[in-house]
Amino acid sequence: MSRVILAVLALSVTLAPAAALAPAASFVHEDASGRLAILGKVAIVLTGDDAFVSRIAEDVLAITLMGHRIRVIYPAETHFGRPRDRVADPAGFARREGADVLITGTLVTEPGEHDRHGYERRSLRTSIASLSLVDLPRDKVLVWALYEPEPAAGVSRIGTAFVEFLVKSLE
């Protein structure tokens, strides 16, 4: 009997896709339209209050961009096997690596919770993300988006939403 109930429960469970995450504020430069086909190499350098979360967000953006067949350069790729230090000059790094555009921005994680002993547990969820695509030769912001998800979201959700917004803006 319990197997039948479990089978019925398993059949009745469906996973609803997460609702699309829209930017709280955004900007798309008039020169952005039509740039997707000629985008070139994209460098990715993010900062934030948690370096680990910022690095994971760089990975999410890189993977999602590569899924759209966009060439990516970011510190983890060019410095593979070496520690990923904070890049002090993102635009300088991108230019040295031969990138045409740069995705840069800042992530703020939600405050951690305190356990019963008073120690703060780190949160991996992002409460604010400001991400932009900069045209390096022209020093121009082509696309900018600010995300403030309620409740705070994982970087995979924010990164995927930004890339989808970016691709639509550049088509």
C-alpha atoms as a PDB file:
ATOM      1  CA  MET A   1       0.000   0.000   0.000  1.00  0.00           C
ATOM      2  CA  SER A   2       2.777   2.440   0.898  1.00  0.00           C
ATOM      3  CA  ARG A   3       4.448   1.800  -2.486  1.00  0.00           C
ATOM      4  CA  VAL A   4       1.251   2.759  -4.274  1.00  0.00           C
ATOM      5  CA  ILE A   5       0.971   5.974  -2.267  1.00  0.00           C
ATOM      6  CA  LEU A   6       4.615   6.818  -2.978  1.00  0.00           C
ATOM      7  CA  ALA A   7       4.095   6.123  -6.681  1.00  0.00           C
ATOM      8  CA  VAL A   8       1.045   8.387  -6.780  1.00  0.00           C
ATOM      9  CA  LEU A   9       2.924  11.109  -4.908  1.00  0.00           C
ATOM     10  CA  ALA A  10       5.873  10.799  -7.262  1.00  0.00           C
ATOM     11  CA  LEU A  11       3.602  11.127 -10.287  1.00  0.00           C
ATOM     12  CA  SER A  12       1.747  14.105  -8.869  1.00  0.00           C
ATOM     13  CA  VAL A  13       4.883  16.116  -8.061  1.00  0.00           C
ATOM     14  CA  THR A  14       5.891  18.503 -10.801  1.00  0.00           C
ATOM     15  CA  LEU A  15       8.693  20.971 -10.674  1.00  0.00           C
ATOM     16  CA  ALA A  16       7.583  24.413 -11.689  1.00  0.00           C
ATOM     17  CA  PRO A  17      10.275  26.487 -13.359  1.00  0.00           C
ATOM     18  CA  ALA A  18      11.457  29.409 -11.289  1.00  0.00           C
ATOM     19  CA  ALA A  19       9.799  32.642 -12.265  1.00  0.00           C
ATOM     20  CA  ALA A  20      11.958  34.806 -14.490  1.00  0.00           C
ATOM     21  CA  LEU A  21      14.007  37.287 -12.538  1.00  0.00           C
ATOM     22  CA  ALA A  22      13.622  40.793 -13.917  1.00  0.00           C
ATOM     23  CA  PRO A  23      16.007  43.642 -13.138  1.00  0.00           C
ATOM     24  CA  ALA A  24      14.813  46.172 -10.568  1.00  0.00           C
ATOM     25  CA  ALA A  25      16.455  48.820 -12.760  1.00  0.00           C
ATOM     26  CA  SER A  26      18.166  48.587 -16.124  1.00  0.00           C
ATOM     27  CA  PHE A  27      19.791  50.572 -18.905  1.00  0.00           C
ATOM     28  CA  VAL A  28      20.407  49.567 -22.510  1.00  0.00           C
ATOM     29  CA  HIS A  29      22.475  51.943 -24.644  1.00  0.00           C
ATOM     30  CA  GLU A  30      21.124  52.632 -28.116  1.00  0.00           C
ATOM     31  CA  ASP A  31      24.383  51.232 -29.557  1.00  0.00           C
ATOM     32  CA  ALA A  32      23.694  47.821 -27.968  1.00  0.00           C
ATOM     33  CA  SER A  33      21.132  46.734 -30.564  1.00  0.00           C
ATOM     34  CA  GLY A  34      22.593  44.343 -33.130  1.00  0.00           C
ATOM     35  CA  ARG A  35      25.859  43.787 -31.220  1.00  0.00           C
ATOM     36  CA  LEU A  36      25.288  40.112 -30.358  1.00  0.00           C
ATOM     37  CA  ALA A  37      26.644  38.824 -33.676  1.00  0.00           C
ATOM     38  CA  ILE A  38      29.801  40.950 -33.402  1.00  0.00           C
ATOM     39  CA  LEU A  39      30.330  40.824 -29.647  1.00  0.00           C
ATOM     40  CA  GLY A  40      33.790  39.227 -29.708  1.00  0.00           C
ATOM     41  CA  LYS A  41      35.503  38.017 -26.552  1.00  0.00           C
ATOM     42  CA  VAL A  42      33.875  38.741 -23.202  1.00  0.00           C
ATOM     43  CA  ALA A  43      35.925  39.164 -20.025  1.00  0.00           C
ATOM     44  CA  ILE A  44      34.194  38.652 -16.682  1.00  0.00           C
ATOM     45  CA  VAL A  45      35.409  40.239 -13.449  1.00  0.00           C
ATOM     46  CA  LEU A  46      33.090  40.613 -10.452  1.00  0.00           C
ATOM     47  CA  THR A  47      33.581  41.853  -6.918  1.00  0.00           C
ATOM     48  CA  GLY A  48      31.480  41.588  -3.804  1.00  0.00           C
ATOM     49  CA  ASP A  49      31.382  41.244  -0.078  1.00  0.00           C
ATOM     50  CA  ASP A  50      32.080  37.499  -0.412  1.00  0.00           C
ATOM     51  CA  ALA A  51      34.904  36.590  -2.818  1.00  0.00           C
ATOM     52  CA  PHE A  52      33.727  32.962  -3.032  1.00  0.00           C
ATOM     53  CA  VAL A  53      30.232  33.986  -4.162  1.00  0.00           C
ATOM     54  CA  SER A  54      31.730  36.432  -6.677  1.00  0.00           C
ATOM     55  CA  ARG A  55      33.899  33.689  -8.195  1.00  0.00           C
ATOM     56  CA  ILE A  56      30.948  31.322  -8.454  1.00  0.00           C
ATOM     57  CA  ALA A  57      28.951  34.101 -10.141  1.00  0.00           C
ATOM     58  CA  GLU A  58      31.790  34.543 -12.666  1.00  0.00           C
ATOM     59  CA  ASP A  59      31.563  30.821 -13.383  1.00  0.00           C
ATOM     60  CA  VAL A  60      27.785  30.996 -13.821  1.00  0.00           C
ATOM     61  CA  LEU A  61      28.062  33.918 -16.231  1.00  0.00           C
ATOM     62  CA  ALA A  62      30.834  32.207 -18.210  1.00  0.00           C
ATOM     63  CA  ILE A  63      28.959  28.918 -18.518  1.00  0.00           C
ATOM     64  CA  THR A  64      25.721  30.641 -19.503  1.00  0.00           C
ATOM     65  CA  LEU A  65      27.458  32.858 -22.079  1.00  0.00           C
ATOM     66  CA  MET A  66      29.266  29.851 -23.562  1.00  0.00           C
ATOM     67  CA  GLY A  67      25.876  28.169 -23.867  1.00  0.00           C
ATOM     68  CA  HIS A  68      24.984  31.053 -26.197  1.00  0.00           C
ATOM     69  CA  ARG A  69      28.219  30.424 -28.152  1.00  0.00           C
ATOM     70  CA  ILE A  70      29.851  33.590 -26.842  1.00  0.00           C
ATOM     71  CA  ARG A  71      33.635  33.482 -26.291  1.00  0.00           C
ATOM     72  CA  VAL A  72      34.591  34.122 -22.675  1.00  0.00           C
ATOM     73  CA  ILE A  73      37.751  35.178 -20.861  1.00  0.00           C
ATOM     74  CA  TYR A  74      37.774  35.439 -17.083  1.00  0.00           C
ATOM     75  CA  PRO A  75      40.367  35.074 -14.358  1.00  0.00           C
ATOM     76  CA  ALA A  76      39.620  31.429 -13.619  1.00  0.00           C
ATOM     77  CA  GLU A  77      40.177  30.485 -17.252  1.00  0.00           C
ATOM     78  CA  THR A  78      43.318  32.490 -17.928  1.00  0.00           C
ATOM     79  CA  HIS A  79      44.900  31.664 -14.591  1.00  0.00           C
ATOM     80  CA  PHE A  80      43.758  28.043 -14.392  1.00  0.00           C
ATOM     81  CA  GLY A  81      45.377  26.122 -11.562  1.00  0.00           C
ATOM     82  CA  ARG A  82      46.532  29.257  -9.780  1.00  0.00           C
ATOM     83  CA  PRO A  83      44.769  31.057  -6.937  1.00  0.00           C
ATOM     84  CA  ARG A  84      42.072  33.429  -8.115  1.00  0.00           C
ATOM     85  CA  ASP A  85      43.073  36.739  -6.643  1.00  0.00           C
ATOM     86  CA  ARG A  86      40.907  39.814  -6.793  1.00  0.00           C
ATOM     87  CA  VAL A  87      41.499  41.699 -10.051  1.00  0.00           C
ATOM     88  CA  ALA A  88      42.367  45.290  -9.092  1.00  0.00           C
ATOM     89  CA  ASP A  89      41.781  46.751 -12.573  1.00  0.00           C
ATOM     90  CA  PRO A  90      39.017  44.830 -14.390  1.00  0.00           C
ATOM     91  CA  ALA A  91      39.215  46.907 -17.594  1.00  0.00           C
ATOM     92  CA  GLY A  92      43.010  46.621 -17.654  1.00  0.00           C
ATOM     93  CA  PHE A  93      42.791  42.854 -17.141  1.00  0.00           C
ATOM     94  CA  ALA A  94      40.221  42.555 -19.941  1.00  0.00           C
ATOM     95  CA  ARG A  95      42.318  44.605 -22.367  1.00  0.00           C
ATOM     96  CA  ARG A  96      45.498  42.622 -21.564  1.00  0.00           C
ATOM     97  CA  GLU A  97      43.640  39.375 -22.240  1.00  0.00           C
ATOM     98  CA  GLY A  98      42.332  40.622 -25.602  1.00  0.00           C
ATOM     99  CA  ALA A  99      38.674  41.014 -24.656  1.00  0.00           C
ATOM    100  CA  ASP A 100      36.350  43.262 -26.635  1.00  0.00           C
ATOM    101  CA  VAL A 101      33.790  43.723 -23.859  1.00  0.00           C
ATOM    102  CA  LEU A 102      33.765  43.323 -20.089  1.00  0.00           C
ATOM    103  CA  ILE A 103      31.062  42.090 -17.758  1.00  0.00           C
ATOM    104  CA  THR A 104      31.721  43.628 -14.387  1.00  0.00           C
ATOM    105  CA  GLY A 105      29.729  44.337 -11.294  1.00  0.00           C
ATOM    106  CA  THR A 106      29.231  43.929  -7.598  1.00  0.00           C
ATOM    107  CA  LEU A 107      27.353  41.313  -5.573  1.00  0.00           C
ATOM    108  CA  VAL A 108      26.084  41.753  -2.036  1.00  0.00           C
ATOM    109  CA  THR A 109      25.110  38.640  -0.108  1.00  0.00           C
ATOM    110  CA  GLU A 110      22.311  38.619   2.418  1.00  0.00           C
ATOM    111  CA  PRO A 111      23.402  38.712   6.049  1.00  0.00           C
ATOM    112  CA  GLY A 112      24.115  35.305   7.521  1.00  0.00           C
ATOM    113  CA  GLU A 113      22.052  33.793  10.308  1.00  0.00           C
ATOM    114  CA  HIS A 114      23.386  33.139  13.777  1.00  0.00           C
ATOM    115  CA  ASP A 115      23.389  29.616  15.104  1.00  0.00           C
ATOM    116  CA  ARG A 116      22.420  28.749  18.672  1.00  0.00           C
ATOM    117  CA  HIS A 117      25.999  29.418  19.832  1.00  0.00           C
ATOM    118  CA  GLY A 118      26.026  32.948  18.426  1.00  0.00           C
ATOM    119  CA  TYR A 119      28.274  32.188  15.454  1.00  0.00           C
ATOM    120  CA  GLU A 120      27.242  33.734  12.168  1.00  0.00           C
ATOM    121  CA  ARG A 121      26.693  31.261   9.352  1.00  0.00           C
ATOM    122  CA  ARG A 122      27.632  32.660   5.979  1.00  0.00           C
ATOM    123  CA  SER A 123      24.892  33.121   3.423  1.00  0.00           C
ATOM    124  CA  LEU A 124      25.442  32.160  -0.194  1.00  0.00           C
ATOM    125  CA  ARG A 125      22.344  33.999  -1.385  1.00  0.00           C
ATOM    126  CA  THR A 126      22.637  37.334  -3.131  1.00  0.00           C
ATOM    127  CA  SER A 127      20.422  40.226  -2.106  1.00  0.00           C
ATOM    128  CA  ILE A 128      21.757  42.831  -4.563  1.00  0.00           C
ATOM    129  CA  ALA A 129      23.635  42.422  -7.847  1.00  0.00           C
ATOM    130  CA  SER A 130      24.702  45.245 -10.127  1.00  0.00           C
ATOM    131  CA  LEU A 131      26.007  43.898 -13.449  1.00  0.00           C
ATOM    132  CA  SER A 132      27.068  45.712 -16.594  1.00  0.00           C
ATOM    133  CA  LEU A 133      28.520  45.046 -20.032  1.00  0.00           C
ATOM    134  CA  VAL A 134      31.178  47.579 -21.036  1.00  0.00           C
ATOM    135  CA  ASP A 135      32.395  48.124 -24.606  1.00  0.00           C
ATOM    136  CA  LEU A 136      36.146  48.375 -23.961  1.00  0.00           C
ATOM    137  CA  PRO A 137      37.332  50.198 -27.115  1.00  0.00           C
ATOM    138  CA  ARG A 138      34.691  52.895 -26.625  1.00  0.00           C
ATOM    139  CA  ASP A 139      34.661  52.862 -22.792  1.00  0.00           C
ATOM    140  CA  LYS A 140      30.881  52.750 -22.942  1.00  0.00           C
ATOM    141  CA  VAL A 141      28.342  50.881 -20.810  1.00  0.00           C
ATOM    142  CA  LEU A 142      26.133  48.996 -23.262  1.00  0.00           C
ATOM    143  CA  VAL A 143      23.909  47.121 -20.817  1.00  0.00           C
ATOM    144  CA  TRP A 144      23.441  47.563 -17.091  1.00  0.00           C
ATOM    145  CA  ALA A 145      21.039  45.787 -14.742  1.00  0.00           C
ATOM    146  CA  LEU A 146      20.414  45.929 -11.026  1.00  0.00           C
ATOM    147  CA  TYR A 147      18.826  42.913  -9.337  1.00  0.00           C
ATOM    148  CA  GLU A 148      17.268  42.984  -5.865  1.00  0.00           C
ATOM    149  CA  PRO A 149      15.494  39.627  -5.615  1.00  0.00           C
ATOM    150  CA  GLU A 150      13.011  39.071  -2.801  1.00  0.00           C
ATOM    151  CA  PRO A 151      13.838  36.755  -1.183  1.00  0.00           C
ATOM    152  CA  ALA A 152      17.580  36.754  -1.904  1.00  0.00           C
ATOM    153  CA  ALA A 153      18.541  34.407  -4.739  1.00  0.00           C
ATOM    154  CA  GLY A 154      21.412  32.173  -5.697  1.00  0.00           C
ATOM    155  CA  VAL A 155      23.986  33.476  -8.161  1.00  0.00           C
ATOM    156  CA  SER A 156      22.943  30.923 -10.767  1.00  0.00           C
ATOM    157  CA  ARG A 157      19.478  32.445 -10.955  1.00  0.00           C
ATOM    158  CA  ILE A 158      20.806  36.011 -11.101  1.00  0.00           C
ATOM    159  CA  GLY A 159      23.578  35.179 -13.586  1.00  0.00           C
ATOM    160  CA  THR A 160      21.239  33.313 -15.907  1.00  0.00           C
ATOM    161  CA  ALA A 161      18.699  36.146 -15.759  1.00  0.00           C
ATOM    162  CA  PHE A 162      21.392  38.709 -16.585  1.00  0.00           C
ATOM    163  CA  VAL A 163      22.683  36.738 -19.566  1.00  0.00           C
ATOM    164  CA  GLU A 164      19.148  36.335 -20.922  1.00  0.00           C
ATOM    165  CA  PHE A 165      18.571  40.094 -20.478  1.00  0.00           C
ATOM    166  CA  LEU A 166      21.940  40.782 -22.100  1.00  0.00           C
ATOM    167  CA  VAL A 167      21.304  38.565 -25.120  1.00  0.00           C
ATOM    168  CA  LYS A 168      17.870  40.097 -25.730  1.00  0.00           C
ATOM    169  CA  SER A 169      19.335  43.589 -25.419  1.00  0.00           C
ATOM    170  CA  LEU A 170      22.118  42.850 -27.918  1.00  0.00           C
ATOM    171  CA  GLU A 171      19.998  41.122 -30.586  1.00  0.00           C
END
